[in-house]
Amino acid sequence: MTDAWNETGIGQVMVERVSSDAIENYGVADLNGAASEPFKSIPLKGLVEKPSPEEAPSDLAVLGRYILPSKVLVLLETTVAGVGGEIQLTDALDELLKRDGLNAFETDANIFDCCNK
């Protein structure tokens, strides 16, 4: 992921494939129908927060691991409170995506989510 950042200078969002019954628990990467493969960086079209399996643009879940440009901190300062009255990183990432682009970086490593055994 660091190599992808160094090569492109574009923010990286780590994703992994999840089953359709788990998809609604995650933010999901929209790759505009493009195919991804492990350990490759690919442009994102968007991020969809916790879609139903029928509405999910892919089976690639956002894992909460990022390499982002410092500009995201400025975007967070101007992001209005969203769900639950909190400032959402996803909102700032959406704005960063519009301005500079973002890439998805797929992993096939074993990832363990907090609160799940």
C-alpha atoms as a PDB file:
ATOM      1  CA  MET A   1       0.000   0.000   0.000  1.00  0.00           C
ATOM      2  CA  THR A   2       2.901   2.305   0.782  1.00  0.00           C
ATOM      3  CA  ASP A   3       4.429   1.540  -2.605  1.00  0.00           C
ATOM      4  CA  ALA A   4       1.117   2.447  -4.300  1.00  0.00           C
ATOM      5  CA  TRP A   5       1.060   5.761  -2.406  1.00  0.00           C
ATOM      6  CA  ASN A   6       4.678   6.499  -3.334  1.00  0.00           C
ATOM      7  CA  GLU A   7       4.081   5.651  -7.009  1.00  0.00           C
ATOM      8  CA  THR A   8       0.808   7.570  -7.463  1.00  0.00           C
ATOM      9  CA  GLY A   9       0.694  10.265  -4.777  1.00  0.00           C
ATOM     10  CA  ILE A  10      -3.010   9.430  -4.542  1.00  0.00           C
ATOM     11  CA  GLY A  11      -4.690   8.500  -1.247  1.00  0.00           C
ATOM     12  CA  GLN A  12      -5.123   4.761  -0.691  1.00  0.00           C
ATOM     13  CA  VAL A  13      -8.112   3.057   0.945  1.00  0.00           C
ATOM     14  CA  MET A  14      -7.567  -0.602   1.882  1.00  0.00           C
ATOM     15  CA  VAL A  15     -10.416  -2.938   0.942  1.00  0.00           C
ATOM     16  CA  GLU A  16     -11.122  -6.662   1.166  1.00  0.00           C
ATOM     17  CA  ARG A  17     -13.722  -8.955  -0.344  1.00  0.00           C
ATOM     18  CA  VAL A  18     -16.576  -9.865   1.996  1.00  0.00           C
ATOM     19  CA  SER A  19     -19.599 -12.113   1.665  1.00  0.00           C
ATOM     20  CA  SER A  20     -22.926 -10.614   0.610  1.00  0.00           C
ATOM     21  CA  ASP A  21     -24.424 -11.329   4.055  1.00  0.00           C
ATOM     22  CA  ALA A  22     -21.749  -9.128   5.683  1.00  0.00           C
ATOM     23  CA  ILE A  23     -21.729  -6.274   3.160  1.00  0.00           C
ATOM     24  CA  GLU A  24     -24.237  -4.090   5.020  1.00  0.00           C
ATOM     25  CA  ASN A  25     -21.801  -3.840   7.944  1.00  0.00           C
ATOM     26  CA  TYR A  26     -19.206  -1.911   5.942  1.00  0.00           C
ATOM     27  CA  GLY A  27     -18.524   1.003   3.707  1.00  0.00           C
ATOM     28  CA  VAL A  28     -18.174  -0.402   0.195  1.00  0.00           C
ATOM     29  CA  ALA A  29     -15.893   0.628  -2.666  1.00  0.00           C
ATOM     30  CA  ASP A  30     -17.436   1.580  -5.995  1.00  0.00           C
ATOM     31  CA  LEU A  31     -14.901   0.821  -8.742  1.00  0.00           C
ATOM     32  CA  ASN A  32     -17.289   1.654 -11.584  1.00  0.00           C
ATOM     33  CA  GLY A  33     -17.313  -2.009 -12.610  1.00  0.00           C
ATOM     34  CA  ALA A  34     -13.521  -2.314 -12.923  1.00  0.00           C
ATOM     35  CA  ALA A  35     -11.860  -5.513 -11.736  1.00  0.00           C
ATOM     36  CA  SER A  36      -9.439  -5.360  -8.829  1.00  0.00           C
ATOM     37  CA  GLU A  37      -6.854  -7.791  -7.595  1.00  0.00           C
ATOM     38  CA  PRO A  38      -4.953  -8.186  -4.338  1.00  0.00           C
ATOM     39  CA  PHE A  39      -2.097  -5.767  -3.705  1.00  0.00           C
ATOM     40  CA  LYS A  40      -2.965  -3.527  -6.648  1.00  0.00           C
ATOM     41  CA  SER A  41      -4.173   0.068  -6.510  1.00  0.00           C
ATOM     42  CA  ILE A  42      -7.207   1.012  -8.615  1.00  0.00           C
ATOM     43  CA  PRO A  43      -9.178   4.281  -8.920  1.00  0.00           C
ATOM     44  CA  LEU A  44     -12.312   4.637  -6.823  1.00  0.00           C
ATOM     45  CA  LYS A  45     -15.510   6.079  -8.246  1.00  0.00           C
ATOM     46  CA  GLY A  46     -17.049   6.424  -4.793  1.00  0.00           C
ATOM     47  CA  LEU A  47     -17.720   4.992  -1.357  1.00  0.00           C
ATOM     48  CA  VAL A  48     -21.139   3.773  -0.254  1.00  0.00           C
ATOM     49  CA  GLU A  49     -21.792   3.558   3.478  1.00  0.00           C
ATOM     50  CA  LYS A  50     -23.376   0.272   4.614  1.00  0.00           C
ATOM     51  CA  PRO A  51     -25.464  -0.561   1.537  1.00  0.00           C
ATOM     52  CA  SER A  52     -27.836  -3.507   1.326  1.00  0.00           C
ATOM     53  CA  PRO A  53     -26.372  -6.446  -0.615  1.00  0.00           C
ATOM     54  CA  GLU A  54     -28.671  -5.583  -3.530  1.00  0.00           C
ATOM     55  CA  GLU A  55     -27.477  -1.969  -3.677  1.00  0.00           C
ATOM     56  CA  ALA A  56     -23.767  -2.591  -3.053  1.00  0.00           C
ATOM     57  CA  PRO A  57     -21.589  -1.517  -5.990  1.00  0.00           C
ATOM     58  CA  SER A  58     -19.063  -4.291  -5.220  1.00  0.00           C
ATOM     59  CA  ASP A  59     -18.116  -6.843  -2.582  1.00  0.00           C
ATOM     60  CA  LEU A  60     -15.100  -4.780  -1.494  1.00  0.00           C
ATOM     61  CA  ALA A  61     -15.415  -3.557   2.088  1.00  0.00           C
ATOM     62  CA  VAL A  62     -13.474  -0.558   3.408  1.00  0.00           C
ATOM     63  CA  LEU A  63     -11.296  -1.746   6.297  1.00  0.00           C
ATOM     64  CA  GLY A  64     -10.440   1.532   8.008  1.00  0.00           C
ATOM     65  CA  ARG A  65      -6.816   1.481   6.924  1.00  0.00           C
ATOM     66  CA  TYR A  66      -5.765   4.456   4.847  1.00  0.00           C
ATOM     67  CA  ILE A  67      -2.825   6.412   3.551  1.00  0.00           C
ATOM     68  CA  LEU A  68      -4.172   9.908   2.967  1.00  0.00           C
ATOM     69  CA  PRO A  69      -2.724  13.262   1.985  1.00  0.00           C
ATOM     70  CA  SER A  70      -2.613  15.905   4.716  1.00  0.00           C
ATOM     71  CA  LYS A  71      -5.292  17.821   2.776  1.00  0.00           C
ATOM     72  CA  VAL A  72      -7.868  15.488   4.360  1.00  0.00           C
ATOM     73  CA  LEU A  73      -7.352  17.309   7.684  1.00  0.00           C
ATOM     74  CA  VAL A  74      -8.374  20.607   6.091  1.00  0.00           C
ATOM     75  CA  LEU A  75     -11.420  18.882   4.584  1.00  0.00           C
ATOM     76  CA  LEU A  76     -12.358  17.474   8.000  1.00  0.00           C
ATOM     77  CA  GLU A  77     -12.256  20.989   9.481  1.00  0.00           C
ATOM     78  CA  THR A  78     -14.929  22.110   7.021  1.00  0.00           C
ATOM     79  CA  THR A  79     -17.038  18.919   7.095  1.00  0.00           C
ATOM     80  CA  VAL A  80     -20.411  19.407   8.761  1.00  0.00           C
ATOM     81  CA  ALA A  81     -21.669  16.945  11.345  1.00  0.00           C
ATOM     82  CA  GLY A  82     -23.523  14.027   9.800  1.00  0.00           C
ATOM     83  CA  VAL A  83     -24.891  10.768  11.156  1.00  0.00           C
ATOM     84  CA  GLY A  84     -25.161  10.831  14.956  1.00  0.00           C
ATOM     85  CA  GLY A  85     -24.068  14.469  15.062  1.00  0.00           C
ATOM     86  CA  GLU A  86     -20.491  13.401  14.336  1.00  0.00           C
ATOM     87  CA  ILE A  87     -18.061  14.543  11.673  1.00  0.00           C
ATOM     88  CA  GLN A  88     -17.680  11.542   9.398  1.00  0.00           C
ATOM     89  CA  LEU A  89     -14.369  10.657   7.756  1.00  0.00           C
ATOM     90  CA  THR A  90     -16.380   9.214   4.851  1.00  0.00           C
ATOM     91  CA  ASP A  91     -17.729  12.699   4.067  1.00  0.00           C
ATOM     92  CA  ALA A  92     -14.205  14.126   3.918  1.00  0.00           C
ATOM     93  CA  LEU A  93     -13.067  11.181   1.795  1.00  0.00           C
ATOM     94  CA  ASP A  94     -15.938  11.822  -0.632  1.00  0.00           C
ATOM     95  CA  GLU A  95     -14.758  15.417  -1.018  1.00  0.00           C
ATOM     96  CA  LEU A  96     -11.127  14.315  -1.440  1.00  0.00           C
ATOM     97  CA  LEU A  97     -12.279  11.844  -4.090  1.00  0.00           C
ATOM     98  CA  LYS A  98     -14.017  14.622  -6.030  1.00  0.00           C
ATOM     99  CA  ARG A  99     -11.015  16.965  -5.833  1.00  0.00           C
ATOM    100  CA  ASP A 100      -7.970  14.714  -6.169  1.00  0.00           C
ATOM    101  CA  GLY A 101      -9.177  11.142  -6.557  1.00  0.00           C
ATOM    102  CA  LEU A 102      -8.679   8.155  -4.284  1.00  0.00           C
ATOM    103  CA  ASN A 103      -7.603   4.614  -4.984  1.00  0.00           C
ATOM    104  CA  ALA A 104      -8.747   1.315  -3.532  1.00  0.00           C
ATOM    105  CA  PHE A 105      -6.004  -1.076  -2.474  1.00  0.00           C
ATOM    106  CA  GLU A 106      -7.244  -4.649  -2.175  1.00  0.00           C
ATOM    107  CA  THR A 107      -5.742  -7.034   0.358  1.00  0.00           C
ATOM    108  CA  ASP A 108      -6.213 -10.766   0.748  1.00  0.00           C
ATOM    109  CA  ALA A 109      -4.646 -10.808   4.216  1.00  0.00           C
ATOM    110  CA  ASN A 110      -6.634 -12.118   7.172  1.00  0.00           C
ATOM    111  CA  ILE A 111      -8.355  -9.088   8.659  1.00  0.00           C
ATOM    112  CA  PHE A 112     -10.107  -9.233  12.006  1.00  0.00           C
ATOM    113  CA  ASP A 113     -12.798  -6.708  12.821  1.00  0.00           C
ATOM    114  CA  CYS A 114     -13.127  -5.319  16.366  1.00  0.00           C
ATOM    115  CA  CYS A 115     -15.948  -6.922  18.357  1.00  0.00           C
ATOM    116  CA  ASN A 116     -16.082  -9.981  16.095  1.00  0.00           C
ATOM    117  CA  LYS A 117     -14.520 -13.252  17.186  1.00  0.00           C
END
